[in-house]
Amino acid sequence: MKKVALILAVLMTFVLAVSCAAEESAPVLLAYYTFDDAENLGADASGNGNDLIKAVNPDGIKAVEGVNGGAVWFGGISGLMPFDDANNDFTDIYAQTGKALTVSFYAKIDAENAKFGDAMRVIDSGVNGSAEGFTVLVNANKSEDGVISLYTISVVGGSDWWGSYAEVGADPEGWHHYVMVYDAENEKVVMFIDGEQKAEVYADSEEQVGSAFTFCIGGNWAQWDWFNGGNHDMTMNGFAGSVDEVKIYAGAVYDMELLK
């Protein structure tokens, strides 16, 4: 009986260890922005308290109808961000212990205000000009006959911009679901549009997810004012359009139903 009990105890310990390992590797929701509260568009619905408390050019930000409830509209020079005097945010805290990251959101360009031929940064954490942070951009082009084409780029750290171009399908002026997965274990950045994988590019397993710049929805806040700590009064390459259902996960998430 003692041997049986010992074997059972060992087996139970192994099962618990496997269970704990599985729990530790499971994706964790870091932040979730629904934009449903028009009076508090930056509220974090994840329960982690990662609210977007700083508004850059607030006159260029307004509540609009979204894919699910409300959404936020940016006029091209505005942004929302968590913020403190040291430029710390939740992605920096996460980067100290984790690597893999998933960014999911819905976006709809404003064709009247979009910067055609320019990379509009929908979500950014300071990768501009440096090999750290991450960004997801939408690039809108218009032909001479007025036909709009839409592309998206996702970058983490020093991963290749051009290798991760992806073209958006039909209805370029409509809502589209974008997902960027930084899969550190498999050393790649993968881009999904409307549930379909569109691009994949190599990314080192040690890409710098954290950044000296602050996580921003709507553009890149630094405005190239590096030596003075950044210009928080204007975004760079700002997005013109609406954004909804932003979800930031620690871990590589490929379940599109979970991300919708």
Protein backbone atom coordinates (compact mmCIF):
# COMPACT_ATOMS: atom_id res chain seq x y z
CA MET A 1 0.00 0.00 0.00
CA LYS A 2 2.87 2.35 0.78
CA LYS A 3 4.30 1.82 -2.73
CA VAL A 4 0.90 2.48 -4.31
CA ALA A 5 0.47 5.63 -2.23
CA LEU A 6 3.97 6.80 -3.19
CA ILE A 7 3.30 6.18 -6.90
CA LEU A 8 -0.02 8.02 -6.68
CA ALA A 9 1.67 10.93 -4.92
CA VAL A 10 4.36 11.13 -7.61
CA LEU A 11 1.75 10.96 -10.37
CA MET A 12 -0.32 13.66 -8.69
CA THR A 13 2.75 15.89 -8.38
CA PHE A 14 3.50 15.38 -12.08
CA VAL A 15 -0.10 16.16 -13.08
CA LEU A 16 -0.08 19.32 -10.96
CA ALA A 17 3.26 20.38 -12.42
CA VAL A 18 2.00 19.92 -15.99
CA SER A 19 -1.21 21.73 -15.09
CA CYS A 20 0.69 24.67 -13.59
CA ALA A 21 3.01 24.85 -16.59
CA ALA A 22 -0.01 24.92 -18.90
CA GLU A 23 -1.57 27.65 -16.83
CA GLU A 24 1.64 29.69 -16.88
CA SER A 25 1.95 29.46 -20.67
CA ALA A 26 -1.69 30.29 -21.34
CA PRO A 27 -2.27 33.72 -22.93
CA VAL A 28 -3.13 36.47 -20.47
CA LEU A 29 -5.26 39.49 -21.34
CA LEU A 30 -3.22 42.58 -20.45
CA ALA A 31 -5.59 45.29 -21.67
CA TYR A 32 -8.96 45.52 -23.38
CA TYR A 33 -10.36 48.77 -24.76
CA THR A 34 -14.02 48.63 -25.82
CA PHE A 35 -14.57 52.42 -26.16
CA ASP A 36 -18.17 51.86 -25.10
CA ASP A 37 -18.15 54.64 -22.50
CA ALA A 38 -18.21 57.93 -24.42
CA GLU A 39 -17.28 59.79 -21.23
CA ASN A 40 -14.25 57.58 -20.59
CA LEU A 41 -13.01 56.27 -23.93
CA GLY A 42 -9.71 55.09 -22.45
CA ALA A 43 -11.22 52.72 -19.88
CA ASP A 44 -9.55 49.31 -19.64
CA ALA A 45 -12.20 46.59 -19.46
CA SER A 46 -9.67 43.85 -18.62
CA GLY A 47 -9.77 44.71 -14.92
CA ASN A 48 -6.01 45.37 -14.89
CA GLY A 49 -6.34 49.13 -14.57
CA ASN A 50 -4.36 49.94 -17.73
CA ASP A 51 -6.51 52.93 -18.63
CA LEU A 52 -5.54 55.31 -21.41
CA ILE A 53 -5.33 58.44 -19.29
CA LYS A 54 -3.47 60.79 -21.63
CA ALA A 55 -5.22 62.28 -24.69
CA VAL A 56 -3.07 63.88 -27.40
CA ASN A 57 -5.03 66.57 -29.27
CA PRO A 58 -8.34 65.62 -27.62
CA ASP A 59 -10.28 67.77 -30.09
CA GLY A 60 -9.38 65.17 -32.71
CA ILE A 61 -10.90 62.32 -30.69
CA LYS A 62 -14.58 61.48 -30.44
CA ALA A 63 -16.94 58.64 -29.64
CA VAL A 64 -18.59 56.96 -32.64
CA GLU A 65 -20.56 53.82 -33.42
CA GLY A 66 -18.39 50.72 -33.51
CA VAL A 67 -18.39 47.08 -34.47
CA ASN A 68 -19.63 46.20 -31.00
CA GLY A 69 -21.15 49.12 -29.11
CA GLY A 70 -19.09 52.28 -29.24
CA ALA A 71 -15.75 53.04 -30.88
CA VAL A 72 -13.22 55.87 -30.95
CA TRP A 73 -12.48 58.11 -33.95
CA PHE A 74 -9.12 59.78 -34.52
CA GLY A 75 -8.60 62.70 -36.86
CA GLY A 76 -5.00 61.89 -37.81
CA ILE A 77 -3.07 63.92 -35.21
CA SER A 78 -4.45 62.46 -31.99
CA GLY A 79 -3.88 59.55 -29.66
CA LEU A 80 -4.75 57.88 -26.37
CA MET A 81 -2.11 56.43 -24.06
CA PRO A 82 -1.28 55.31 -20.53
CA PHE A 83 1.27 57.78 -19.25
CA ASP A 84 3.56 58.79 -16.44
CA ASP A 85 6.58 61.06 -16.21
CA ALA A 86 8.97 58.15 -16.79
CA ASN A 87 7.10 56.92 -19.91
CA ASN A 88 6.28 53.63 -18.17
CA ASP A 89 3.28 51.60 -19.24
CA PHE A 90 1.89 48.08 -18.95
CA THR A 91 3.87 46.74 -21.93
CA ASP A 92 7.13 47.68 -20.21
CA ILE A 93 6.09 45.85 -17.04
CA TYR A 94 5.05 42.81 -19.08
CA ALA A 95 8.28 42.81 -21.12
CA GLN A 96 10.31 42.23 -17.95
CA THR A 97 8.79 38.76 -17.60
CA GLY A 98 7.37 37.80 -20.99
CA LYS A 99 8.07 37.83 -24.70
CA ALA A 100 5.24 36.66 -26.95
CA LEU A 101 2.52 39.23 -27.58
CA THR A 102 -0.76 39.47 -29.48
CA VAL A 103 -2.43 42.71 -30.60
CA SER A 104 -6.00 42.57 -31.91
CA PHE A 105 -8.32 45.38 -33.01
CA TYR A 106 -10.92 46.55 -35.50
CA ALA A 107 -10.23 49.61 -37.62
CA LYS A 108 -12.05 51.61 -40.28
CA ILE A 109 -10.27 54.32 -42.25
CA ASP A 110 -11.78 57.78 -42.73
CA ALA A 111 -11.28 58.25 -46.47
CA GLU A 112 -11.91 62.00 -46.27
CA ASN A 113 -9.13 62.55 -43.74
CA ALA A 114 -6.79 59.61 -44.39
CA LYS A 115 -3.18 60.33 -45.30
CA PHE A 116 -2.90 58.46 -48.57
CA GLY A 117 0.55 57.10 -49.31
CA ASP A 118 1.56 57.45 -45.68
CA ALA A 119 1.79 54.76 -43.01
CA MET A 120 -0.91 55.52 -40.45
CA ARG A 121 0.00 54.07 -37.06
CA VAL A 122 -3.08 52.55 -35.47
CA ILE A 123 -1.30 51.06 -32.45
CA ASP A 124 2.28 51.90 -31.60
CA SER A 125 4.74 51.58 -28.76
CA GLY A 126 7.75 53.40 -30.12
CA VAL A 127 9.34 51.18 -32.76
CA ASN A 128 9.75 54.27 -34.96
CA GLY A 129 13.46 54.58 -35.69
CA SER A 130 14.52 52.02 -33.09
CA ALA A 131 14.67 48.25 -32.71
CA GLU A 132 12.27 48.06 -29.80
CA GLY A 133 8.54 48.11 -29.14
CA PHE A 134 5.86 47.14 -31.65
CA THR A 135 3.54 48.78 -34.11
CA VAL A 136 0.63 48.02 -36.43
CA LEU A 137 0.17 50.39 -39.36
CA VAL A 138 -2.42 50.84 -42.08
CA ASN A 139 -1.25 52.26 -45.40
CA ALA A 140 -3.98 53.65 -47.68
CA ASN A 141 -3.40 54.44 -51.36
CA LYS A 142 -5.73 55.95 -53.94
CA SER A 143 -5.37 55.54 -57.70
CA GLU A 144 -6.01 58.29 -60.24
CA ASP A 145 -9.52 56.97 -60.78
CA GLY A 146 -10.25 57.10 -57.03
CA VAL A 147 -9.93 53.40 -56.18
CA ILE A 148 -8.65 52.90 -52.62
CA SER A 149 -6.27 50.09 -51.73
CA LEU A 150 -5.44 49.26 -48.15
CA TYR A 151 -2.38 47.51 -46.73
CA THR A 152 -1.21 46.76 -43.23
CA ILE A 153 2.20 46.21 -41.67
CA SER A 154 3.03 44.69 -38.29
CA VAL A 155 6.43 45.02 -36.65
CA VAL A 156 8.00 43.89 -33.39
CA GLY A 157 11.47 45.10 -32.47
CA GLY A 158 13.84 44.69 -35.41
CA SER A 159 11.61 42.39 -37.50
CA ASP A 160 11.37 43.15 -41.22
CA TRP A 161 8.79 45.80 -42.12
CA TRP A 162 8.51 45.03 -45.81
CA GLY A 163 8.30 41.30 -45.33
CA SER A 164 5.15 41.69 -43.30
CA TYR A 165 3.06 43.72 -45.73
CA ALA A 166 -0.46 42.37 -46.10
CA GLU A 167 -3.25 43.52 -48.38
CA VAL A 168 -6.78 44.07 -47.12
CA GLY A 169 -9.50 42.47 -49.22
CA ALA A 170 -12.84 43.91 -50.32
CA ASP A 171 -14.44 47.09 -48.95
CA PRO A 172 -11.33 49.09 -47.99
CA GLU A 173 -13.49 51.77 -46.35
CA GLY A 174 -15.29 49.30 -44.09
CA TRP A 175 -14.45 47.75 -40.72
CA HIS A 176 -11.68 45.15 -40.74
CA HIS A 177 -10.28 42.97 -37.98
CA TYR A 178 -6.48 43.08 -37.63
CA VAL A 179 -4.35 40.75 -35.53
CA MET A 180 -0.59 40.82 -35.01
CA VAL A 181 0.98 37.82 -33.26
CA TYR A 182 4.57 37.94 -32.08
CA ASP A 183 5.31 34.25 -31.59
CA ALA A 184 8.66 34.36 -29.80
CA GLU A 185 8.91 30.59 -29.40
CA ASN A 186 8.60 30.04 -33.16
CA GLU A 187 10.49 33.25 -34.01
CA LYS A 188 7.93 34.95 -36.22
CA VAL A 189 5.45 37.78 -36.51
CA VAL A 190 2.17 36.74 -38.12
CA MET A 191 -0.52 39.06 -39.50
CA PHE A 192 -4.20 38.18 -39.77
CA ILE A 193 -6.90 40.24 -41.49
CA ASP A 194 -10.55 39.34 -40.99
CA GLY A 195 -9.59 35.96 -39.57
CA GLU A 196 -7.23 34.92 -42.38
CA GLN A 197 -3.46 34.76 -42.19
CA LYS A 198 -2.07 37.26 -44.68
CA ALA A 199 1.63 37.63 -43.86
CA GLU A 200 4.44 36.12 -41.84
CA VAL A 201 7.98 37.33 -41.22
CA TYR A 202 10.96 36.16 -39.16
CA ALA A 203 11.44 37.75 -35.76
CA ASP A 204 14.14 36.91 -33.26
CA SER A 205 13.04 35.20 -30.05
CA GLU A 206 14.60 38.07 -28.10
CA GLU A 207 12.92 41.02 -29.85
CA GLN A 208 12.51 44.01 -27.54
CA VAL A 209 8.81 44.19 -26.73
CA GLY A 210 9.32 46.95 -24.17
CA SER A 211 10.15 50.48 -25.26
CA ALA A 212 11.28 53.83 -23.93
CA PHE A 213 8.20 55.27 -25.64
CA THR A 214 4.64 54.92 -24.49
CA PHE A 215 1.96 52.59 -25.85
CA CYS A 216 -0.40 54.67 -27.98
CA ILE A 217 -3.61 54.08 -29.90
CA GLY A 218 -3.98 56.55 -32.76
CA GLY A 219 -0.37 57.24 -33.70
CA ASN A 220 3.23 57.48 -32.56
CA TRP A 221 3.45 60.04 -29.79
CA ALA A 222 7.22 60.67 -29.86
CA GLN A 223 7.13 63.07 -32.83
CA TRP A 224 10.91 62.53 -33.14
CA ASP A 225 11.61 64.79 -30.15
CA TRP A 226 13.87 62.13 -28.67
CA PHE A 227 16.29 64.34 -26.75
CA ASN A 228 13.57 66.25 -24.93
CA GLY A 229 11.64 63.16 -23.83
CA GLY A 230 9.19 63.25 -26.72
CA ASN A 231 6.48 65.64 -27.80
CA HIS A 232 3.22 64.54 -26.19
CA ASP A 233 1.17 67.24 -27.91
CA MET A 234 1.05 65.68 -31.37
CA THR A 235 1.21 62.19 -32.85
CA MET A 236 3.39 61.17 -35.78
CA ASN A 237 1.90 59.25 -38.71
CA GLY A 238 -1.46 59.41 -36.92
CA PHE A 239 -4.41 57.25 -37.91
CA ALA A 240 -7.46 58.85 -39.48
CA GLY A 241 -10.45 56.66 -38.78
CA SER A 242 -12.23 54.61 -36.15
CA VAL A 243 -10.85 51.93 -33.84
CA ASP A 244 -12.73 49.39 -31.74
CA GLU A 245 -12.24 46.32 -29.54
CA VAL A 246 -8.50 46.63 -28.89
CA LYS A 247 -7.14 43.57 -27.06
CA ILE A 248 -3.54 43.12 -25.94
CA TYR A 249 -2.53 39.62 -24.85
CA ALA A 250 0.65 38.30 -23.29
CA GLY A 251 1.32 35.19 -25.37
CA ALA A 252 0.78 34.08 -28.95
CA VAL A 253 -2.96 33.79 -29.65
CA TYR A 254 -4.13 32.17 -32.88
CA ASP A 255 -7.77 31.67 -31.88
CA MET A 256 -9.55 34.29 -33.97
CA GLU A 257 -12.86 33.67 -32.22
CA LEU A 258 -11.28 34.61 -28.89
CA LEU A 259 -9.90 37.81 -30.41
CA LYS A 260 -13.11 39.04 -32.09
